[in-house]
Amino acid sequence: MIEIATVNLKPGMKFDAPVYIDDKNILVPPGIPIKAKDIERLKRWEINTVRTNGSEIKDESDQTKVSHELLFELEPEEKQCLDAYYQFLTKLTEVFTDIRKQNKISHDKIDRIVNDLYLHVKEHKNKMIQLVLQSEKHADDLTTNSINCTIISIVIGLILKTISHRILILATGALLHDVGMLRIPEEIVNKKADLTAKELNMIKTHPIYSYTIISKELKFADEIAQIGLYHQERWDGKGYPKQLNKENIPLFARIVAVADSYVAMVKERPYRGHMIGYDAIKTIISDNFKRFDPNVVKAFLKGMGIYPIGSIVLLNNGALGRVNEINSDAPLRPKIDILIDEYGDKLQESTKMDLLKSGDFFIVRAVDKKVVQM
C-alpha cells in the first residue's frame, strides 16, 4: 500500500482502489471523490496519512465507479472479500469490453474469475452474500449484476449439494448468462421511459444472443450456453424464448433464473428504484410456482434466509443491526451485529447478538441502508 499525507488530499480526488483510514475503515470506495468534509474529519481526528493500493484517477474515462457504502467497520475477512469483489468487477469488465468489441477471448481469463469466485463463496459464504446487498453501482451494471448472480447461484448450488466441477459449470453460465445484452443498443437497455413493443421484443432476443456468444464466440460447452438461452424461461411455461416449462428447463437455468431475479430486484434500474433484500425474498417466496422451480426456491431460502445476510434491520428496542448469519431452524431470528444502539449512537465496535437466544428482542422490520447515514 502507498501512504498519502492528509495535507496532500484535495476535494474531488478519486482513486481506482479503496482509500483506507486504517486496516478496518474505508475513507472512500474506488471511484468516489473525496469530499472537503472527509479531509476536515481526518484533520479533526489527527489522522496524518491514509493508504491505498490504487492510483489517483485523472481521467473520468478511467474511473471504475464502484461505490460501497459501509455502515460498519470491516473485519479482516470482510476486507479480504471486499477487495476480491472489486477485483472480480475489474476483471469481468475487461472481459465484457472484449465481448462488446468482439475481440478474441481465451477461456483462461473467464475460468480464473469463475474458479476464484467459487473458492471465495465456498470459504466465505456469508461475507460474499452480504456484498450482493451492500455493493452499489459499477460503471457497467451488467458486470455487477453478473458477479452478484454468480455468487447467489453458487450458494444455491452448494445448498443443493452439487459437486464442485458441476458448480463451476453453473457459475460459468451464471457469469455469462446476460452477455447477450451487449448486443442490445444501450439506449434501449438504459431507457427510463416505458419500452415500446418493438424495443421489448429486442430485449427478449438477448438470451439467443447470449447462447450464440457463449457457444460460438467463446466456445464454451453447450450446457453452459443453455443457461444463457433458457434463464428467462418460467416454471409455468410462459417465459421466453421457447416457452419451456418445469423440468424441461435445464436445472442450472432454473437456478440462475432465481438468482438473477433476486439480484435484479435489489438493484436500482434506470426506470425504477430497488427493493430491500427482505422484500425481494418475500416476492420470490410468493411466486406460487409461476416463475420459479419450488425446489430451487427452497434451496435459495435456506442459503439466504428471510432477512438475507447483509440486511439492515430495526429491532424492537430501536437498535439497528446487520444480519451476519441465518438460523436455518428459525429464519426470522438470525444472528446480527448491532451497529447503532437503542439511543441512536453508532457503536465503535459492533455487538454480536443471536436473536434465537435473545428472546426479549426481535426484528420489527428491514430498513433500506440508504436511509441510514452514519
Protein backbone atom coordinates (compact mmCIF):
# COMPACT_ATOMS: atom_id res chain seq x y z
CA MET A 1 0.00 0.00 0.00
CA ILE A 2 1.07 3.58 -0.59
CA GLU A 3 0.64 6.26 2.04
CA ILE A 4 -0.79 9.68 1.23
CA ALA A 5 -0.37 12.60 3.60
CA THR A 6 -3.67 14.14 4.65
CA VAL A 7 -2.32 17.60 3.81
CA ASN A 8 -1.89 16.44 0.20
CA LEU A 9 -5.53 15.38 -0.19
CA LYS A 10 -7.75 17.69 -2.24
CA PRO A 11 -11.57 17.68 -2.58
CA GLY A 12 -12.57 15.81 -5.72
CA MET A 13 -9.59 13.44 -5.77
CA LYS A 14 -10.56 9.90 -6.80
CA PHE A 15 -8.67 6.62 -6.69
CA ASP A 16 -9.15 3.31 -8.52
CA ALA A 17 -8.98 1.30 -5.27
CA PRO A 18 -10.39 1.90 -1.78
CA VAL A 19 -8.68 4.56 0.34
CA TYR A 20 -8.30 3.35 3.92
CA ILE A 21 -8.06 5.29 7.16
CA ASP A 22 -6.68 2.18 8.84
CA ASP A 23 -6.89 -1.60 8.44
CA LYS A 24 -10.62 -1.64 9.17
CA ASN A 25 -12.08 1.65 7.97
CA ILE A 26 -12.56 2.88 4.40
CA LEU A 27 -12.41 6.63 3.82
CA VAL A 28 -13.82 6.37 0.28
CA PRO A 29 -14.53 3.45 -2.09
CA PRO A 30 -12.97 3.27 -5.58
CA GLY A 31 -14.08 5.97 -7.99
CA ILE A 32 -15.79 8.09 -5.31
CA PRO A 33 -14.43 11.65 -4.93
CA ILE A 34 -13.01 12.70 -1.59
CA LYS A 35 -15.09 15.49 -0.10
CA ALA A 36 -13.89 18.53 1.83
CA LYS A 37 -15.71 17.25 4.92
CA ASP A 38 -13.79 13.94 4.64
CA ILE A 39 -10.50 15.83 4.77
CA GLU A 40 -11.70 18.02 7.64
CA ARG A 41 -12.73 14.91 9.56
CA LEU A 42 -9.26 13.39 9.12
CA LYS A 43 -7.64 16.59 10.41
CA ARG A 44 -10.03 16.73 13.35
CA TRP A 45 -9.19 13.14 14.20
CA GLU A 46 -5.47 13.98 13.82
CA ILE A 47 -5.03 11.31 11.14
CA ASN A 48 -1.95 12.36 9.21
CA THR A 49 -1.92 9.71 6.46
CA VAL A 50 -4.29 7.43 4.55
CA ARG A 51 -3.44 4.36 2.48
CA THR A 52 -4.47 2.80 -0.81
CA ASN A 53 -3.41 0.07 -3.21
CA GLY A 54 -4.60 2.18 -6.13
CA SER A 55 -3.68 5.24 -8.15
CA GLU A 56 -5.36 8.60 -8.49
CA ILE A 57 -7.90 8.77 -11.32
CA LYS A 58 -7.01 11.67 -13.57
CA ASP A 59 -9.39 10.93 -16.44
CA GLU A 60 -13.14 10.31 -15.93
CA SER A 61 -12.99 7.57 -18.57
CA ASP A 62 -10.62 5.57 -16.34
CA GLN A 63 -12.99 5.65 -13.38
CA THR A 64 -14.03 2.31 -12.01
CA LYS A 65 -17.11 3.88 -10.42
CA VAL A 66 -17.67 1.31 -7.71
CA SER A 67 -19.44 2.57 -4.62
CA HIS A 68 -19.71 0.61 -1.41
CA GLU A 69 -21.49 2.45 1.37
CA LEU A 70 -20.28 0.76 4.52
CA LEU A 71 -22.34 1.11 7.65
CA PHE A 72 -19.84 -0.78 9.78
CA GLU A 73 -16.16 -1.39 10.37
CA LEU A 74 -14.54 -4.08 8.30
CA GLU A 75 -13.30 -7.26 9.87
CA PRO A 76 -10.20 -8.75 8.19
CA GLU A 77 -12.28 -11.43 6.43
CA GLU A 78 -14.73 -8.78 5.19
CA LYS A 79 -11.90 -6.59 3.92
CA GLN A 80 -10.41 -9.56 2.05
CA CYS A 81 -13.74 -10.36 0.41
CA LEU A 82 -14.42 -6.72 -0.45
CA ASP A 83 -11.03 -6.32 -2.11
CA ALA A 84 -11.58 -9.57 -4.03
CA TYR A 85 -15.05 -8.37 -5.09
CA TYR A 86 -13.58 -5.21 -6.61
CA GLN A 87 -11.01 -7.30 -8.45
CA PHE A 88 -13.74 -9.55 -9.87
CA LEU A 89 -15.59 -6.46 -11.10
CA THR A 90 -12.49 -5.08 -12.78
CA LYS A 91 -11.58 -8.37 -14.47
CA LEU A 92 -15.11 -9.06 -15.69
CA THR A 93 -15.41 -5.51 -17.02
CA GLU A 94 -12.37 -6.25 -19.20
CA VAL A 95 -13.97 -9.47 -20.43
CA PHE A 96 -17.27 -7.78 -21.27
CA THR A 97 -15.45 -4.95 -23.02
CA ASP A 98 -13.71 -7.51 -25.23
CA ILE A 99 -17.02 -9.27 -25.92
CA ARG A 100 -18.67 -5.95 -26.80
CA LYS A 101 -15.82 -5.22 -29.23
CA GLN A 102 -15.90 -8.84 -30.46
CA ASN A 103 -12.24 -9.32 -29.56
CA LYS A 104 -10.90 -12.83 -29.16
CA ILE A 105 -11.03 -14.04 -25.54
CA SER A 106 -9.31 -17.07 -24.05
CA HIS A 107 -11.17 -19.42 -21.72
CA ASP A 108 -8.47 -18.98 -19.11
CA LYS A 109 -9.45 -15.40 -18.32
CA ILE A 110 -13.07 -16.37 -17.64
CA ASP A 111 -12.18 -19.65 -15.93
CA ARG A 112 -9.93 -17.84 -13.44
CA ILE A 113 -12.73 -15.48 -12.45
CA VAL A 114 -15.14 -18.41 -12.03
CA ASN A 115 -12.67 -20.52 -10.04
CA ASP A 116 -11.74 -17.67 -7.71
CA LEU A 117 -15.38 -16.66 -7.21
CA TYR A 118 -16.30 -20.25 -6.36
CA LEU A 119 -13.49 -20.55 -3.80
CA HIS A 120 -14.40 -17.24 -2.17
CA VAL A 121 -18.08 -18.17 -1.88
CA LYS A 122 -17.26 -21.65 -0.62
CA GLU A 123 -14.84 -20.36 2.03
CA HIS A 124 -16.56 -17.06 2.94
CA LYS A 125 -20.20 -17.66 2.05
CA ASN A 126 -21.80 -15.17 4.43
CA LYS A 127 -19.32 -12.40 3.69
CA MET A 128 -19.78 -12.80 -0.08
CA ILE A 129 -23.59 -12.89 0.18
CA GLN A 130 -23.66 -9.62 2.10
CA LEU A 131 -21.70 -7.92 -0.70
CA VAL A 132 -24.66 -8.53 -3.02
CA LEU A 133 -26.76 -6.19 -0.88
CA GLN A 134 -24.03 -3.77 0.14
CA SER A 135 -22.39 -3.19 -3.24
CA GLU A 136 -23.53 -0.20 -5.25
CA LYS A 137 -23.36 0.74 -8.90
CA HIS A 138 -20.38 -0.18 -11.03
CA ALA A 139 -19.55 1.68 -14.24
CA ASP A 140 -21.21 -1.24 -16.00
CA ASP A 141 -24.28 -2.52 -14.18
CA LEU A 142 -24.17 -5.70 -16.26
CA THR A 143 -20.84 -6.54 -14.63
CA THR A 144 -22.12 -6.03 -11.09
CA ASN A 145 -25.29 -7.99 -11.77
CA SER A 146 -23.33 -10.86 -13.33
CA ILE A 147 -20.94 -11.14 -10.37
CA ASN A 148 -23.82 -10.98 -7.88
CA CYS A 149 -25.90 -13.52 -9.82
CA THR A 150 -22.92 -15.87 -9.84
CA ILE A 151 -22.46 -15.53 -6.07
CA ILE A 152 -26.11 -16.41 -5.40
CA SER A 153 -26.10 -19.24 -7.97
CA ILE A 154 -23.06 -20.79 -6.29
CA VAL A 155 -24.79 -20.54 -2.89
CA ILE A 156 -27.84 -22.35 -4.28
CA GLY A 157 -25.61 -24.96 -5.90
CA LEU A 158 -23.86 -25.59 -2.59
CA ILE A 159 -27.19 -25.94 -0.74
CA LEU A 160 -28.29 -28.48 -3.38
CA LYS A 161 -25.03 -30.38 -2.69
CA THR A 162 -23.88 -30.03 -6.29
CA ILE A 163 -20.38 -31.46 -6.81
CA SER A 164 -17.56 -28.98 -7.37
CA HIS A 165 -16.94 -29.39 -11.10
CA ARG A 166 -20.69 -29.09 -11.75
CA ILE A 167 -20.85 -25.88 -9.69
CA LEU A 168 -18.10 -24.47 -11.92
CA ILE A 169 -20.33 -25.15 -14.93
CA LEU A 170 -23.24 -23.45 -13.15
CA ALA A 171 -21.05 -20.49 -12.16
CA THR A 172 -19.71 -20.02 -15.69
CA GLY A 173 -23.25 -19.95 -17.07
CA ALA A 174 -24.35 -17.53 -14.35
CA LEU A 175 -21.41 -15.21 -15.05
CA LEU A 176 -22.15 -15.13 -18.78
CA HIS A 177 -25.94 -15.58 -18.86
CA ASP A 178 -26.68 -11.97 -19.80
CA VAL A 179 -23.83 -11.30 -22.27
CA GLY A 180 -26.47 -11.09 -24.99
CA MET A 181 -27.39 -7.69 -23.54
CA LEU A 182 -24.11 -6.45 -25.01
CA ARG A 183 -25.72 -6.83 -28.43
CA ILE A 184 -28.75 -4.69 -27.47
CA PRO A 185 -28.44 -0.92 -28.10
CA GLU A 186 -27.52 0.89 -24.88
CA GLU A 187 -30.23 3.49 -25.36
CA ILE A 188 -32.80 0.68 -25.06
CA VAL A 189 -31.10 -1.07 -22.13
CA ASN A 190 -30.84 2.21 -20.18
CA LYS A 191 -34.15 3.73 -21.25
CA LYS A 192 -36.06 5.31 -18.35
CA ALA A 193 -39.41 5.54 -20.13
CA ASP A 194 -41.62 2.56 -20.96
CA LEU A 195 -40.27 0.36 -23.73
CA THR A 196 -42.17 0.16 -26.98
CA ALA A 197 -43.37 -3.24 -28.18
CA LYS A 198 -40.52 -3.31 -30.69
CA GLU A 199 -37.94 -2.43 -28.01
CA LEU A 200 -39.34 -5.04 -25.64
CA ASN A 201 -39.09 -7.69 -28.34
CA MET A 202 -35.49 -6.64 -28.91
CA ILE A 203 -34.75 -7.10 -25.19
CA LYS A 204 -36.31 -10.55 -25.40
CA THR A 205 -33.76 -11.58 -28.01
CA HIS A 206 -30.90 -11.30 -25.55
CA PRO A 207 -31.00 -14.97 -24.41
CA ILE A 208 -30.49 -16.03 -28.04
CA TYR A 209 -27.56 -13.63 -28.35
CA SER A 210 -26.18 -15.00 -25.06
CA TYR A 211 -26.34 -18.55 -26.40
CA THR A 212 -24.56 -17.54 -29.59
CA ILE A 213 -21.82 -15.63 -27.80
CA ILE A 214 -21.19 -18.35 -25.21
CA SER A 215 -21.22 -21.27 -27.66
CA LYS A 216 -19.94 -19.77 -30.91
CA GLU A 217 -17.71 -16.89 -29.91
CA LEU A 218 -16.40 -18.07 -26.53
CA LYS A 219 -16.52 -21.78 -27.48
CA PHE A 220 -17.94 -22.98 -24.17
CA ALA A 221 -19.86 -26.25 -23.87
CA ASP A 222 -23.49 -26.29 -24.93
CA GLU A 223 -24.59 -26.97 -21.33
CA ILE A 224 -23.15 -23.62 -20.31
CA ALA A 225 -24.64 -21.84 -23.33
CA GLN A 226 -28.08 -23.26 -22.50
CA ILE A 227 -28.02 -21.40 -19.18
CA GLY A 228 -27.86 -18.18 -21.16
CA LEU A 229 -30.52 -19.37 -23.56
CA TYR A 230 -33.08 -20.55 -21.00
CA HIS A 231 -32.63 -18.32 -17.93
CA GLN A 232 -35.75 -16.32 -18.87
CA GLU A 233 -37.98 -19.39 -19.15
CA ARG A 234 -40.64 -19.78 -16.45
CA TRP A 235 -41.81 -22.77 -14.41
CA ASP A 236 -45.34 -22.27 -15.81
CA GLY A 237 -44.14 -22.19 -19.42
CA LYS A 238 -44.85 -18.51 -20.02
CA GLY A 239 -41.26 -17.37 -20.35
CA TYR A 240 -39.07 -16.92 -23.41
CA PRO A 241 -37.60 -17.66 -25.90
CA LYS A 242 -39.06 -21.20 -26.20
CA GLN A 243 -41.82 -21.32 -23.55
CA LEU A 244 -40.32 -24.36 -21.85
CA ASN A 245 -41.85 -25.43 -18.53
CA LYS A 246 -40.90 -27.25 -15.34
CA GLU A 247 -38.13 -29.87 -15.70
CA ASN A 248 -37.94 -29.21 -19.42
CA ILE A 249 -35.90 -26.16 -18.42
CA PRO A 250 -32.32 -27.21 -17.54
CA LEU A 251 -31.73 -27.17 -13.77
CA PHE A 252 -28.87 -24.70 -13.93
CA ALA A 253 -31.01 -22.27 -15.92
CA ARG A 254 -33.70 -22.61 -13.24
CA ILE A 255 -31.12 -21.77 -10.56
CA VAL A 256 -29.84 -18.73 -12.46
CA ALA A 257 -33.45 -17.58 -13.00
CA VAL A 258 -33.96 -17.29 -9.23
CA ALA A 259 -30.56 -15.70 -8.58
CA ASP A 260 -30.95 -13.27 -11.48
CA SER A 261 -34.42 -12.18 -10.32
CA TYR A 262 -33.23 -11.55 -6.77
CA VAL A 263 -30.24 -9.53 -7.94
CA ALA A 264 -32.45 -7.51 -10.31
CA MET A 265 -34.90 -6.68 -7.53
CA VAL A 266 -32.29 -5.41 -5.07
CA LYS A 267 -30.56 -3.23 -7.67
CA GLU A 268 -31.72 0.12 -8.96
CA ARG A 269 -32.72 0.40 -12.60
CA PRO A 270 -32.99 3.49 -14.82
CA TYR A 271 -36.78 3.11 -14.71
CA ARG A 272 -37.31 2.22 -11.03
CA GLY A 273 -35.75 2.04 -7.59
CA HIS A 274 -34.65 -1.07 -5.75
CA MET A 275 -36.19 -3.42 -3.21
CA ILE A 276 -34.59 -4.12 0.12
CA GLY A 277 -33.45 -7.73 0.44
CA TYR A 278 -36.34 -8.76 2.70
CA ASP A 279 -38.96 -7.54 0.19
CA ALA A 280 -37.14 -9.28 -2.67
CA ILE A 281 -37.12 -12.54 -0.70
CA LYS A 282 -40.86 -12.18 0.00
CA THR A 283 -41.55 -11.60 -3.68
CA ILE A 284 -39.72 -14.77 -4.68
CA ILE A 285 -41.39 -16.83 -1.93
CA SER A 286 -44.84 -15.63 -3.03
CA ASP A 287 -44.25 -16.76 -6.62
CA ASN A 288 -46.76 -19.64 -6.29
CA PHE A 289 -44.98 -21.89 -8.80
CA LYS A 290 -45.36 -19.42 -11.67
CA ARG A 291 -41.83 -18.34 -12.47
CA PHE A 292 -39.55 -20.48 -10.35
CA ASP A 293 -38.82 -24.11 -9.58
CA PRO A 294 -40.13 -24.56 -5.99
CA ASN A 295 -37.20 -26.81 -5.04
CA VAL A 296 -34.72 -24.18 -6.19
CA VAL A 297 -36.63 -21.54 -4.21
CA LYS A 298 -36.38 -23.73 -1.09
CA ALA A 299 -32.61 -24.03 -1.55
CA PHE A 300 -32.35 -20.30 -2.19
CA LEU A 301 -34.28 -19.53 1.01
CA LYS A 302 -32.15 -21.95 3.02
CA GLY A 303 -28.99 -20.22 1.82
CA MET A 304 -30.23 -16.63 2.07
CA GLY A 305 -32.76 -16.54 4.92
CA ILE A 306 -35.92 -14.44 5.26
CA TYR A 307 -33.73 -11.48 6.19
CA PRO A 308 -30.81 -12.07 3.80
CA ILE A 309 -27.28 -11.76 5.07
CA GLY A 310 -26.20 -8.13 4.89
CA SER A 311 -29.70 -6.76 5.57
CA ILE A 312 -30.03 -3.79 7.90
CA VAL A 313 -32.81 -4.46 10.43
CA LEU A 314 -34.61 -2.47 13.12
CA LEU A 315 -35.08 -4.21 16.47
CA ASN A 316 -37.99 -3.72 18.85
CA ASN A 317 -35.79 -1.68 21.21
CA GLY A 318 -34.91 0.80 18.43
CA ALA A 319 -31.41 -0.52 17.75
CA LEU A 320 -30.19 -1.13 14.20
CA GLY A 321 -28.29 -4.26 13.25
CA ARG A 322 -26.84 -6.04 10.27
CA VAL A 323 -27.71 -9.69 9.63
CA ASN A 324 -24.48 -11.72 9.57
CA GLU A 325 -25.75 -15.31 9.75
CA ILE A 326 -29.08 -17.06 9.42
CA ASN A 327 -30.54 -19.60 11.83
CA SER A 328 -31.94 -22.18 9.42
CA ASP A 329 -34.33 -23.55 12.06
CA ALA A 330 -35.65 -20.06 12.87
CA PRO A 331 -35.27 -17.83 9.78
CA LEU A 332 -37.00 -14.89 11.50
CA ARG A 333 -34.38 -14.86 14.26
CA PRO A 334 -30.94 -14.54 12.62
CA LYS A 335 -27.62 -13.61 14.16
CA ILE A 336 -26.88 -9.91 13.84
CA ASP A 337 -24.26 -7.25 14.51
CA ILE A 338 -25.66 -4.27 16.44
CA LEU A 339 -24.42 -1.16 14.60
CA ILE A 340 -26.46 1.60 16.26
CA ASP A 341 -27.71 1.19 19.80
CA GLU A 342 -31.17 1.96 21.12
CA TYR A 343 -30.09 5.55 21.84
CA GLY A 344 -29.12 6.20 18.21
CA ASP A 345 -25.37 6.12 18.85
CA LYS A 346 -23.03 4.33 16.45
CA LEU A 347 -21.02 1.68 18.25
CA GLN A 348 -17.26 1.81 17.89
CA GLU A 349 -17.28 -1.98 17.69
CA SER A 350 -20.36 -3.91 16.64
CA THR A 351 -22.00 -6.11 19.27
CA LYS A 352 -22.95 -9.66 18.33
CA MET A 353 -26.47 -10.83 19.08
CA ASP A 354 -28.14 -14.16 18.35
CA LEU A 355 -31.86 -13.44 18.25
CA LEU A 356 -32.59 -17.14 18.73
CA LYS A 357 -31.02 -16.86 22.19
CA SER A 358 -32.23 -13.33 22.95
CA GLY A 359 -35.92 -13.88 23.50
CA ASP A 360 -36.67 -10.29 24.51
CA PHE A 361 -35.55 -8.89 21.15
CA PHE A 362 -36.94 -9.38 17.67
CA ILE A 363 -36.86 -7.75 14.25
CA VAL A 364 -39.55 -5.15 13.66
CA ARG A 365 -38.71 -4.57 10.01
CA ALA A 366 -35.92 -4.45 7.47
CA VAL A 367 -34.51 -1.00 6.70
CA ASP A 368 -33.13 0.44 3.47
CA LYS A 369 -29.48 1.16 4.17
CA LYS A 370 -29.77 4.37 2.14
CA VAL A 371 -31.84 5.97 4.88
CA VAL A 372 -29.21 5.14 7.48
CA GLN A 373 -26.48 7.80 7.41
CA MET A 374 -23.63 7.49 9.84
